[in-house]
Amino acid sequence: MKRTKACLIACLLIVLVISSVVKGQTKGYPVDIPGTNVNFFLYRYTGDEVPYDEINMIWKNLSDVFVEWSAQGADPKALSPDDVTIKTVDDVVGIYLKGQLIVVVDEFHAKANYATRLQLAEKWAANLKKGVEVFVELNQPR
């Protein structure tokens, strides 16, 4: 009985150590809303290389919407937090701004945040809504 109990405790400790080591290898790079100092989310990754290509694509997607809004006259009524939506297409959860895909919420990020993809999308979308509000306030014509 004592031997079985000791083995179970040892196995539990090994599992905890392994899971903490794996979790510890996940790194993050903050993705903000350009020009706002509002944090959109933490782009998580493993390994030593920061995934700048993926992060730059997210910033490009955001910037494309902001540049178009500006080119159309920067009307504060033409861009609002209400333009942030979450859509699931073919089991892919995405966050959109004015119909433009900004970022896909994947299982890796969901697990890293102890959430489902939809729960995490709600959190990220709320952050994006705050960022859009700040962006419009800072960039509307005066």
N, C-alpha and C. Protein backbone atom coordinates (compact mmCIF):
# COMPACT_ATOMS: atom_id res chain seq x y z
N MET A 1 0.82 -1.19 0.00
CA MET A 1 0.00 0.00 0.00
C MET A 1 0.87 1.26 0.00
N LYS A 2 1.87 1.28 0.90
CA LYS A 2 2.75 2.44 0.96
C LYS A 2 3.53 2.60 -0.34
N ARG A 3 3.93 1.47 -0.92
CA ARG A 3 4.70 1.51 -2.17
C ARG A 3 3.83 2.05 -3.31
N THR A 4 2.59 1.62 -3.39
CA THR A 4 1.67 2.09 -4.42
C THR A 4 1.42 3.59 -4.26
N LYS A 5 1.22 4.01 -3.02
CA LYS A 5 0.99 5.42 -2.75
C LYS A 5 2.20 6.26 -3.14
N ALA A 6 3.38 5.77 -2.83
CA ALA A 6 4.61 6.48 -3.19
C ALA A 6 4.77 6.56 -4.70
N CYS A 7 4.44 5.47 -5.40
CA CYS A 7 4.52 5.48 -6.88
C CYS A 7 3.54 6.47 -7.48
N LEU A 8 2.33 6.52 -6.95
CA LEU A 8 1.33 7.46 -7.45
C LEU A 8 1.77 8.91 -7.22
N ILE A 9 2.31 9.18 -6.06
CA ILE A 9 2.80 10.53 -5.77
C ILE A 9 3.97 10.89 -6.69
N ALA A 10 4.87 9.95 -6.90
CA ALA A 10 6.01 10.18 -7.81
C ALA A 10 5.52 10.46 -9.22
N CYS A 11 4.55 9.67 -9.69
CA CYS A 11 4.00 9.88 -11.04
C CYS A 11 3.34 11.25 -11.15
N LEU A 12 2.59 11.63 -10.14
CA LEU A 12 1.94 12.94 -10.14
C LEU A 12 2.97 14.06 -10.19
N LEU A 13 4.02 13.94 -9.42
CA LEU A 13 5.08 14.95 -9.43
C LEU A 13 5.76 15.04 -10.79
N ILE A 14 6.00 13.90 -11.41
CA ILE A 14 6.63 13.89 -12.74
C ILE A 14 5.73 14.60 -13.74
N VAL A 15 4.44 14.30 -13.71
CA VAL A 15 3.49 14.94 -14.63
C VAL A 15 3.48 16.45 -14.40
N LEU A 16 3.46 16.87 -13.15
CA LEU A 16 3.46 18.31 -12.85
C LEU A 16 4.73 18.99 -13.33
N VAL A 17 5.86 18.36 -13.14
CA VAL A 17 7.14 18.93 -13.58
C VAL A 17 7.17 19.03 -15.10
N ILE A 18 6.77 17.97 -15.78
CA ILE A 18 6.78 17.98 -17.25
C ILE A 18 5.84 19.04 -17.78
N SER A 19 4.63 19.14 -17.23
CA SER A 19 3.68 20.13 -17.73
C SER A 19 4.16 21.54 -17.46
N SER A 20 4.83 21.78 -16.33
CA SER A 20 5.33 23.13 -16.06
C SER A 20 6.50 23.47 -16.97
N VAL A 21 7.33 22.49 -17.31
CA VAL A 21 8.44 22.73 -18.24
C VAL A 21 7.89 23.06 -19.62
N VAL A 22 6.90 22.29 -20.08
CA VAL A 22 6.30 22.55 -21.40
C VAL A 22 5.64 23.92 -21.39
N LYS A 23 4.90 24.24 -20.35
CA LYS A 23 4.25 25.54 -20.26
C LYS A 23 5.29 26.65 -20.19
N GLY A 24 6.39 26.41 -19.53
CA GLY A 24 7.44 27.41 -19.40
C GLY A 24 8.13 27.73 -20.71
N GLN A 25 8.05 26.84 -21.69
CA GLN A 25 8.70 27.07 -22.97
C GLN A 25 7.87 27.97 -23.88
N THR A 26 6.63 28.23 -23.51
CA THR A 26 5.79 29.11 -24.30
C THR A 26 6.17 30.55 -24.00
N LYS A 27 6.47 31.29 -25.04
CA LYS A 27 6.84 32.70 -24.90
C LYS A 27 5.74 33.55 -25.51
N GLY A 28 5.83 34.85 -25.30
CA GLY A 28 4.81 35.73 -25.86
C GLY A 28 5.39 37.04 -26.34
N TYR A 29 4.76 37.60 -27.37
CA TYR A 29 5.15 38.89 -27.92
C TYR A 29 3.89 39.75 -27.96
N PRO A 30 3.89 40.92 -27.32
CA PRO A 30 2.67 41.73 -27.29
C PRO A 30 2.33 42.33 -28.65
N VAL A 31 1.07 42.19 -29.02
CA VAL A 31 0.55 42.78 -30.25
C VAL A 31 -0.37 43.91 -29.83
N ASP A 32 0.02 45.14 -30.16
CA ASP A 32 -0.81 46.28 -29.80
C ASP A 32 -1.58 46.78 -31.01
N ILE A 33 -2.52 47.67 -30.75
CA ILE A 33 -3.26 48.33 -31.82
C ILE A 33 -2.39 49.52 -32.23
N PRO A 34 -1.96 49.59 -33.49
CA PRO A 34 -1.02 50.64 -33.92
C PRO A 34 -1.45 52.05 -33.49
N GLY A 35 -0.52 52.74 -32.86
CA GLY A 35 -0.73 54.14 -32.50
C GLY A 35 -1.62 54.38 -31.29
N THR A 36 -1.93 53.34 -30.52
CA THR A 36 -2.87 53.52 -29.41
C THR A 36 -2.30 53.15 -28.04
N ASN A 37 -1.26 52.37 -28.00
CA ASN A 37 -0.74 51.78 -26.75
C ASN A 37 -1.76 50.86 -26.08
N VAL A 38 -2.75 50.39 -26.85
CA VAL A 38 -3.72 49.42 -26.33
C VAL A 38 -3.24 48.03 -26.74
N ASN A 39 -3.09 47.16 -25.75
CA ASN A 39 -2.65 45.80 -26.03
C ASN A 39 -3.82 44.99 -26.58
N PHE A 40 -3.63 44.41 -27.75
CA PHE A 40 -4.64 43.58 -28.39
C PHE A 40 -4.58 42.18 -27.78
N PHE A 41 -3.42 41.55 -27.83
CA PHE A 41 -3.23 40.24 -27.23
C PHE A 41 -1.76 39.90 -27.20
N LEU A 42 -1.43 38.81 -26.55
CA LEU A 42 -0.06 38.32 -26.47
C LEU A 42 0.07 37.17 -27.47
N TYR A 43 0.88 37.38 -28.51
CA TYR A 43 1.10 36.32 -29.51
C TYR A 43 2.06 35.31 -28.89
N ARG A 44 1.56 34.12 -28.66
CA ARG A 44 2.37 33.09 -28.00
C ARG A 44 3.06 32.22 -29.04
N TYR A 45 4.24 31.74 -28.66
CA TYR A 45 5.02 30.90 -29.56
C TYR A 45 5.98 30.06 -28.73
N THR A 46 6.55 29.05 -29.37
CA THR A 46 7.57 28.23 -28.73
C THR A 46 8.86 28.37 -29.54
N GLY A 47 9.96 28.03 -28.93
CA GLY A 47 11.24 28.14 -29.61
C GLY A 47 11.87 29.49 -29.39
N ASP A 48 12.96 29.72 -30.12
CA ASP A 48 13.73 30.95 -29.93
C ASP A 48 13.39 32.06 -30.92
N GLU A 49 12.72 31.72 -32.00
CA GLU A 49 12.42 32.70 -33.05
C GLU A 49 11.05 33.34 -32.83
N VAL A 50 11.03 34.65 -32.67
CA VAL A 50 9.76 35.37 -32.58
C VAL A 50 9.11 35.32 -33.96
N PRO A 51 7.83 34.96 -34.05
CA PRO A 51 7.16 34.83 -35.36
C PRO A 51 6.76 36.20 -35.93
N TYR A 52 7.77 36.97 -36.29
CA TYR A 52 7.52 38.33 -36.77
C TYR A 52 6.64 38.37 -38.02
N ASP A 53 6.76 37.40 -38.91
CA ASP A 53 5.94 37.41 -40.13
C ASP A 53 4.45 37.37 -39.78
N GLU A 54 4.08 36.49 -38.86
CA GLU A 54 2.68 36.37 -38.46
C GLU A 54 2.21 37.63 -37.74
N ILE A 55 3.04 38.16 -36.86
CA ILE A 55 2.69 39.37 -36.12
C ILE A 55 2.57 40.56 -37.07
N ASN A 56 3.50 40.68 -38.01
CA ASN A 56 3.43 41.76 -38.99
C ASN A 56 2.18 41.66 -39.85
N MET A 57 1.72 40.44 -40.15
CA MET A 57 0.50 40.27 -40.94
C MET A 57 -0.71 40.79 -40.15
N ILE A 58 -0.74 40.56 -38.86
CA ILE A 58 -1.84 41.07 -38.04
C ILE A 58 -1.82 42.60 -38.05
N TRP A 59 -0.63 43.19 -37.86
CA TRP A 59 -0.52 44.65 -37.91
C TRP A 59 -0.90 45.18 -39.28
N LYS A 60 -0.53 44.48 -40.34
CA LYS A 60 -0.91 44.90 -41.69
C LYS A 60 -2.42 44.88 -41.86
N ASN A 61 -3.05 43.80 -41.38
CA ASN A 61 -4.51 43.70 -41.49
C ASN A 61 -5.19 44.86 -40.76
N LEU A 62 -4.70 45.18 -39.57
CA LEU A 62 -5.25 46.33 -38.83
C LEU A 62 -4.98 47.63 -39.57
N SER A 63 -3.75 47.81 -40.00
CA SER A 63 -3.37 49.05 -40.68
C SER A 63 -4.16 49.26 -41.97
N ASP A 64 -4.43 48.19 -42.70
CA ASP A 64 -5.21 48.31 -43.94
C ASP A 64 -6.58 48.93 -43.66
N VAL A 65 -7.23 48.49 -42.59
CA VAL A 65 -8.54 49.04 -42.23
C VAL A 65 -8.39 50.49 -41.80
N PHE A 66 -7.39 50.79 -40.99
CA PHE A 66 -7.19 52.15 -40.50
C PHE A 66 -6.82 53.11 -41.63
N VAL A 67 -5.98 52.68 -42.54
CA VAL A 67 -5.59 53.52 -43.68
C VAL A 67 -6.80 53.79 -44.57
N GLU A 68 -7.61 52.78 -44.82
CA GLU A 68 -8.82 52.96 -45.64
C GLU A 68 -9.78 53.95 -44.96
N TRP A 69 -9.95 53.80 -43.66
CA TRP A 69 -10.81 54.73 -42.91
C TRP A 69 -10.29 56.15 -43.03
N SER A 70 -8.99 56.32 -42.90
CA SER A 70 -8.38 57.64 -43.02
C SER A 70 -8.54 58.20 -44.43
N ALA A 71 -8.33 57.35 -45.43
CA ALA A 71 -8.45 57.79 -46.83
C ALA A 71 -9.88 58.22 -47.17
N GLN A 72 -10.85 57.65 -46.46
CA GLN A 72 -12.25 58.00 -46.70
C GLN A 72 -12.70 59.22 -45.89
N GLY A 73 -11.76 59.88 -45.23
CA GLY A 73 -12.08 61.11 -44.51
C GLY A 73 -12.04 61.01 -43.00
N ALA A 74 -11.76 59.85 -42.47
CA ALA A 74 -11.63 59.65 -41.02
C ALA A 74 -12.87 60.08 -40.25
N ASP A 75 -14.03 59.78 -40.81
CA ASP A 75 -15.29 60.09 -40.14
C ASP A 75 -15.44 59.19 -38.92
N PRO A 76 -15.55 59.78 -37.72
CA PRO A 76 -15.65 58.95 -36.51
C PRO A 76 -16.84 58.00 -36.53
N LYS A 77 -17.86 58.33 -37.30
CA LYS A 77 -19.04 57.46 -37.38
C LYS A 77 -18.80 56.27 -38.31
N ALA A 78 -17.72 56.33 -39.10
CA ALA A 78 -17.45 55.28 -40.08
C ALA A 78 -16.59 54.15 -39.53
N LEU A 79 -16.10 54.28 -38.31
CA LEU A 79 -15.31 53.23 -37.68
C LEU A 79 -15.61 53.25 -36.19
N SER A 80 -16.08 52.14 -35.69
CA SER A 80 -16.44 52.08 -34.27
C SER A 80 -16.19 50.69 -33.72
N PRO A 81 -16.23 50.55 -32.40
CA PRO A 81 -16.08 49.22 -31.80
C PRO A 81 -17.12 48.22 -32.31
N ASP A 82 -18.27 48.72 -32.74
CA ASP A 82 -19.30 47.82 -33.28
C ASP A 82 -18.86 47.13 -34.57
N ASP A 83 -17.82 47.65 -35.22
CA ASP A 83 -17.31 47.04 -36.45
C ASP A 83 -16.44 45.83 -36.19
N VAL A 84 -16.15 45.54 -34.92
CA VAL A 84 -15.38 44.35 -34.54
C VAL A 84 -16.35 43.18 -34.41
N THR A 85 -16.08 42.11 -35.14
CA THR A 85 -16.95 40.93 -35.09
C THR A 85 -16.12 39.66 -34.98
N ILE A 86 -16.78 38.62 -34.51
CA ILE A 86 -16.18 37.29 -34.46
C ILE A 86 -16.99 36.41 -35.39
N LYS A 87 -16.29 35.70 -36.27
CA LYS A 87 -16.97 34.79 -37.20
C LYS A 87 -16.26 33.44 -37.16
N THR A 88 -17.06 32.39 -37.27
CA THR A 88 -16.52 31.05 -37.43
C THR A 88 -16.88 30.58 -38.83
N VAL A 89 -15.86 30.33 -39.64
CA VAL A 89 -16.05 29.87 -41.01
C VAL A 89 -15.27 28.57 -41.17
N ASP A 90 -15.98 27.50 -41.51
CA ASP A 90 -15.35 26.18 -41.66
C ASP A 90 -14.51 25.81 -40.44
N ASP A 91 -15.06 26.02 -39.26
CA ASP A 91 -14.42 25.71 -37.97
C ASP A 91 -13.17 26.55 -37.70
N VAL A 92 -13.01 27.66 -38.40
CA VAL A 92 -11.91 28.59 -38.15
C VAL A 92 -12.52 29.83 -37.50
N VAL A 93 -12.05 30.14 -36.29
CA VAL A 93 -12.56 31.29 -35.55
C VAL A 93 -11.68 32.49 -35.87
N GLY A 94 -12.30 33.55 -36.35
CA GLY A 94 -11.54 34.75 -36.70
C GLY A 94 -12.14 36.00 -36.10
N ILE A 95 -11.30 36.99 -35.91
CA ILE A 95 -11.74 38.31 -35.46
C ILE A 95 -11.61 39.24 -36.66
N TYR A 96 -12.69 39.97 -36.93
CA TYR A 96 -12.77 40.82 -38.10
C TYR A 96 -13.01 42.26 -37.68
N LEU A 97 -12.50 43.18 -38.50
CA LEU A 97 -12.77 44.60 -38.33
C LEU A 97 -13.26 45.12 -39.67
N LYS A 98 -14.50 45.60 -39.69
CA LYS A 98 -15.14 46.07 -40.93
C LYS A 98 -15.06 45.00 -42.03
N GLY A 99 -15.25 43.75 -41.66
CA GLY A 99 -15.25 42.66 -42.62
C GLY A 99 -13.88 42.13 -43.00
N GLN A 100 -12.82 42.77 -42.55
CA GLN A 100 -11.44 42.35 -42.85
C GLN A 100 -10.96 41.41 -41.74
N LEU A 101 -10.51 40.22 -42.12
CA LEU A 101 -9.95 39.30 -41.14
C LEU A 101 -8.70 39.92 -40.54
N ILE A 102 -8.67 40.00 -39.22
CA ILE A 102 -7.51 40.55 -38.52
C ILE A 102 -6.62 39.43 -38.01
N VAL A 103 -7.23 38.46 -37.33
CA VAL A 103 -6.45 37.36 -36.75
C VAL A 103 -7.34 36.13 -36.59
N VAL A 104 -6.73 34.97 -36.76
CA VAL A 104 -7.39 33.69 -36.50
C VAL A 104 -7.04 33.28 -35.07
N VAL A 105 -8.04 32.87 -34.33
CA VAL A 105 -7.82 32.39 -32.96
C VAL A 105 -7.65 30.87 -33.03
N ASP A 106 -6.44 30.41 -32.81
CA ASP A 106 -6.15 28.98 -32.96
C ASP A 106 -6.17 28.25 -31.63
N GLU A 107 -6.13 26.93 -31.73
CA GLU A 107 -6.19 26.08 -30.55
C GLU A 107 -4.97 26.27 -29.65
N PHE A 108 -3.80 26.53 -30.24
CA PHE A 108 -2.58 26.75 -29.46
C PHE A 108 -2.76 27.91 -28.49
N HIS A 109 -3.27 29.05 -29.00
CA HIS A 109 -3.48 30.21 -28.15
C HIS A 109 -4.59 29.96 -27.14
N ALA A 110 -5.63 29.27 -27.56
CA ALA A 110 -6.73 28.97 -26.64
C ALA A 110 -6.24 28.14 -25.46
N LYS A 111 -5.48 27.09 -25.75
CA LYS A 111 -4.96 26.25 -24.66
C LYS A 111 -4.00 27.02 -23.77
N ALA A 112 -3.17 27.86 -24.36
CA ALA A 112 -2.22 28.66 -23.58
C ALA A 112 -2.94 29.63 -22.64
N ASN A 113 -4.17 29.99 -23.01
CA ASN A 113 -4.97 30.91 -22.19
C ASN A 113 -6.07 30.19 -21.40
N TYR A 114 -6.01 28.86 -21.38
CA TYR A 114 -6.99 28.06 -20.65
C TYR A 114 -8.42 28.44 -21.03
N ALA A 115 -8.66 28.50 -22.34
CA ALA A 115 -9.96 28.91 -22.85
C ALA A 115 -10.29 28.12 -24.11
N THR A 116 -11.53 28.23 -24.54
CA THR A 116 -11.88 27.72 -25.86
C THR A 116 -11.52 28.80 -26.87
N ARG A 117 -11.53 28.45 -28.14
CA ARG A 117 -11.22 29.45 -29.16
C ARG A 117 -12.24 30.59 -29.12
N LEU A 118 -13.52 30.26 -28.93
CA LEU A 118 -14.54 31.31 -28.88
C LEU A 118 -14.41 32.19 -27.64
N GLN A 119 -14.09 31.60 -26.51
CA GLN A 119 -13.87 32.41 -25.30
C GLN A 119 -12.71 33.37 -25.48
N LEU A 120 -11.63 32.86 -26.06
CA LEU A 120 -10.47 33.72 -26.30
C LEU A 120 -10.78 34.79 -27.34
N ALA A 121 -11.54 34.43 -28.36
CA ALA A 121 -11.93 35.41 -29.38
C ALA A 121 -12.73 36.55 -28.75
N GLU A 122 -13.60 36.22 -27.80
CA GLU A 122 -14.37 37.27 -27.11
C GLU A 122 -13.44 38.23 -26.37
N LYS A 123 -12.45 37.67 -25.71
CA LYS A 123 -11.49 38.51 -24.96
C LYS A 123 -10.69 39.39 -25.90
N TRP A 124 -10.15 38.78 -26.97
CA TRP A 124 -9.36 39.57 -27.92
C TRP A 124 -10.22 40.61 -28.62
N ALA A 125 -11.45 40.25 -28.96
CA ALA A 125 -12.35 41.20 -29.63
C ALA A 125 -12.65 42.38 -28.71
N ALA A 126 -12.83 42.12 -27.42
CA ALA A 126 -13.06 43.22 -26.47
C ALA A 126 -11.85 44.16 -26.44
N ASN A 127 -10.65 43.60 -26.47
CA ASN A 127 -9.44 44.42 -26.50
C ASN A 127 -9.37 45.23 -27.79
N LEU A 128 -9.72 44.61 -28.91
CA LEU A 128 -9.70 45.31 -30.19
C LEU A 128 -10.72 46.44 -30.20
N LYS A 129 -11.88 46.20 -29.61
CA LYS A 129 -12.90 47.26 -29.54
C LYS A 129 -12.37 48.47 -28.79
N LYS A 130 -11.68 48.23 -27.67
CA LYS A 130 -11.08 49.34 -26.92
C LYS A 130 -10.05 50.06 -27.79
N GLY A 131 -9.24 49.30 -28.51
CA GLY A 131 -8.23 49.89 -29.37
C GLY A 131 -8.81 50.71 -30.50
N VAL A 132 -9.89 50.23 -31.09
CA VAL A 132 -10.56 50.97 -32.17
C VAL A 132 -11.10 52.29 -31.62
N GLU A 133 -11.69 52.23 -30.45
CA GLU A 133 -12.23 53.45 -29.84
C GLU A 133 -11.12 54.48 -29.62
N VAL A 134 -9.99 54.04 -29.09
CA VAL A 134 -8.86 54.95 -28.85
C VAL A 134 -8.30 55.45 -30.18
N PHE A 135 -8.16 54.56 -31.16
CA PHE A 135 -7.62 54.96 -32.47
C PHE A 135 -8.48 56.04 -33.11
N VAL A 136 -9.79 55.86 -33.10
CA VAL A 136 -10.69 56.85 -33.71
C VAL A 136 -10.59 58.17 -32.96
N GLU A 137 -10.57 58.11 -31.65
CA GLU A 137 -10.47 59.34 -30.85
C GLU A 137 -9.18 60.10 -31.16
N LEU A 138 -8.08 59.39 -31.30
CA LEU A 138 -6.79 60.04 -31.56
C LEU A 138 -6.63 60.53 -32.99
N ASN A 139 -7.35 59.93 -33.94
CA ASN A 139 -7.08 60.20 -35.35
C ASN A 139 -8.22 60.87 -36.11
N GLN A 140 -9.30 61.21 -35.45
CA GLN A 140 -10.38 61.89 -36.14
C GLN A 140 -10.00 63.34 -36.42
N PRO A 141 -10.58 63.93 -37.46
CA PRO A 141 -10.27 65.33 -37.77
C PRO A 141 -10.70 66.25 -36.62
N ARG A 142 -9.93 67.25 -36.39
CA ARG A 142 -10.23 68.21 -35.30
C ARG A 142 -10.67 69.53 -35.88
